[in-house]
Amino acid sequence: MQKGIDREIVESIMYQVLSIKSEEEVAKEALEKKARAWKSLEPLEFRKKAYGYLQRKGFEFEIVKKAVDNFLKKG
């Protein structure tokens, strides 16, 4: 009898995990699409709208914060 998880199962799960976009990537893409409409806003107003938008989309606060901060750093 062999202990552990079958190698085929591990490879299948790893493939599935690696092929799914991270939540941060999805939040970033959603923000980039919406940001085009907000390009003329002041940074504080942009931040408010971005936080609200991404949180309504169901992203957790930490993901939203990272996505918005990274977007604003890029300029």
C-alpha atoms as a PDB file:
ATOM      1  CA  MET A   1       0.000   0.000   0.000  1.00  0.00           C
ATOM      2  CA  GLN A   2       1.295   3.449  -0.972  1.00  0.00           C
ATOM      3  CA  LYS A   3       0.817   6.523   1.214  1.00  0.00           C
ATOM      4  CA  GLY A   4       0.031   9.988  -0.058  1.00  0.00           C
ATOM      5  CA  ILE A   5      -1.930  11.414  -2.931  1.00  0.00           C
ATOM      6  CA  ASP A   6      -1.824   9.941  -6.396  1.00  0.00           C
ATOM      7  CA  ARG A   7       0.552  11.884  -8.661  1.00  0.00           C
ATOM      8  CA  GLU A   8      -2.127  12.205 -11.365  1.00  0.00           C
ATOM      9  CA  ILE A   9      -4.504  13.925  -8.936  1.00  0.00           C
ATOM     10  CA  VAL A  10      -1.796  16.342  -7.784  1.00  0.00           C
ATOM     11  CA  GLU A  11      -0.889  17.264 -11.363  1.00  0.00           C
ATOM     12  CA  SER A  12      -4.545  17.786 -12.259  1.00  0.00           C
ATOM     13  CA  ILE A  13      -5.155  20.085  -9.280  1.00  0.00           C
ATOM     14  CA  MET A  14      -1.946  22.049  -9.901  1.00  0.00           C
ATOM     15  CA  TYR A  15      -2.926  22.624 -13.523  1.00  0.00           C
ATOM     16  CA  GLN A  16      -6.343  23.914 -12.459  1.00  0.00           C
ATOM     17  CA  VAL A  17      -4.893  26.236  -9.829  1.00  0.00           C
ATOM     18  CA  LEU A  18      -2.213  27.666 -12.090  1.00  0.00           C
ATOM     19  CA  SER A  19      -4.584  28.262 -14.986  1.00  0.00           C
ATOM     20  CA  ILE A  20      -7.018  30.371 -12.961  1.00  0.00           C
ATOM     21  CA  LYS A  21      -6.302  34.088 -12.758  1.00  0.00           C
ATOM     22  CA  SER A  22      -5.618  35.403  -9.304  1.00  0.00           C
ATOM     23  CA  GLU A  23      -8.259  37.549  -7.677  1.00  0.00           C
ATOM     24  CA  GLU A  24      -5.819  40.462  -7.759  1.00  0.00           C
ATOM     25  CA  GLU A  25      -5.423  40.148 -11.538  1.00  0.00           C
ATOM     26  CA  VAL A  26      -9.186  40.085 -12.056  1.00  0.00           C
ATOM     27  CA  ALA A  27      -9.643  43.166  -9.841  1.00  0.00           C
ATOM     28  CA  LYS A  28      -6.873  44.972 -11.730  1.00  0.00           C
ATOM     29  CA  GLU A  29      -8.489  44.213 -15.095  1.00  0.00           C
ATOM     30  CA  ALA A  30     -11.924  45.334 -13.872  1.00  0.00           C
ATOM     31  CA  LEU A  31     -10.452  48.574 -12.552  1.00  0.00           C
ATOM     32  CA  GLU A  32      -8.551  49.278 -15.771  1.00  0.00           C
ATOM     33  CA  LYS A  33     -11.740  48.947 -17.812  1.00  0.00           C
ATOM     34  CA  LYS A  34     -13.713  51.258 -15.541  1.00  0.00           C
ATOM     35  CA  ALA A  35     -10.879  53.761 -15.032  1.00  0.00           C
ATOM     36  CA  ARG A  36     -11.180  55.031 -18.588  1.00  0.00           C
ATOM     37  CA  ALA A  37     -14.453  56.691 -17.643  1.00  0.00           C
ATOM     38  CA  TRP A  38     -12.912  58.221 -14.504  1.00  0.00           C
ATOM     39  CA  LYS A  39      -9.695  59.608 -16.017  1.00  0.00           C
ATOM     40  CA  SER A  40     -10.652  63.250 -15.380  1.00  0.00           C
ATOM     41  CA  LEU A  41     -11.365  62.760 -11.659  1.00  0.00           C
ATOM     42  CA  GLU A  42      -9.158  63.987  -8.846  1.00  0.00           C
ATOM     43  CA  PRO A  43      -7.143  61.180  -7.207  1.00  0.00           C
ATOM     44  CA  LEU A  44      -9.256  61.152  -4.022  1.00  0.00           C
ATOM     45  CA  GLU A  45     -12.529  60.982  -5.964  1.00  0.00           C
ATOM     46  CA  PHE A  46     -11.067  58.283  -8.222  1.00  0.00           C
ATOM     47  CA  ARG A  47     -10.032  56.271  -5.162  1.00  0.00           C
ATOM     48  CA  LYS A  48     -13.548  56.512  -3.662  1.00  0.00           C
ATOM     49  CA  LYS A  49     -15.208  55.377  -6.879  1.00  0.00           C
ATOM     50  CA  ALA A  50     -12.694  52.577  -7.437  1.00  0.00           C
ATOM     51  CA  TYR A  51     -13.060  51.224  -3.894  1.00  0.00           C
ATOM     52  CA  GLY A  52     -16.850  51.265  -4.125  1.00  0.00           C
ATOM     53  CA  TYR A  53     -16.902  49.704  -7.572  1.00  0.00           C
ATOM     54  CA  LEU A  54     -14.572  46.827  -6.750  1.00  0.00           C
ATOM     55  CA  GLN A  55     -16.218  46.118  -3.399  1.00  0.00           C
ATOM     56  CA  ARG A  56     -19.638  45.971  -5.072  1.00  0.00           C
ATOM     57  CA  LYS A  57     -18.103  43.470  -7.487  1.00  0.00           C
ATOM     58  CA  GLY A  58     -17.347  41.296  -4.450  1.00  0.00           C
ATOM     59  CA  PHE A  59     -13.622  41.801  -3.958  1.00  0.00           C
ATOM     60  CA  GLU A  60     -12.249  41.812  -0.421  1.00  0.00           C
ATOM     61  CA  PHE A  61     -10.869  45.058   1.001  1.00  0.00           C
ATOM     62  CA  GLU A  62      -7.212  43.959   0.844  1.00  0.00           C
ATOM     63  CA  ILE A  63      -7.529  43.013  -2.832  1.00  0.00           C
ATOM     64  CA  VAL A  64      -9.258  46.332  -3.594  1.00  0.00           C
ATOM     65  CA  LYS A  65      -6.592  48.313  -1.738  1.00  0.00           C
ATOM     66  CA  LYS A  66      -3.754  46.587  -3.615  1.00  0.00           C
ATOM     67  CA  ALA A  67      -5.444  47.013  -6.993  1.00  0.00           C
ATOM     68  CA  VAL A  68      -6.205  50.709  -6.480  1.00  0.00           C
ATOM     69  CA  ASP A  69      -2.792  51.525  -4.974  1.00  0.00           C
ATOM     70  CA  ASN A  70      -0.962  49.750  -7.812  1.00  0.00           C
ATOM     71  CA  PHE A  71      -3.130  51.467 -10.423  1.00  0.00           C
ATOM     72  CA  LEU A  72      -2.473  54.920  -8.966  1.00  0.00           C
ATOM     73  CA  LYS A  73       1.291  54.256  -8.682  1.00  0.00           C
ATOM     74  CA  LYS A  74       1.424  53.482 -12.403  1.00  0.00           C
ATOM     75  CA  GLY A  75      -0.256  56.791 -13.109  1.00  0.00           C
END
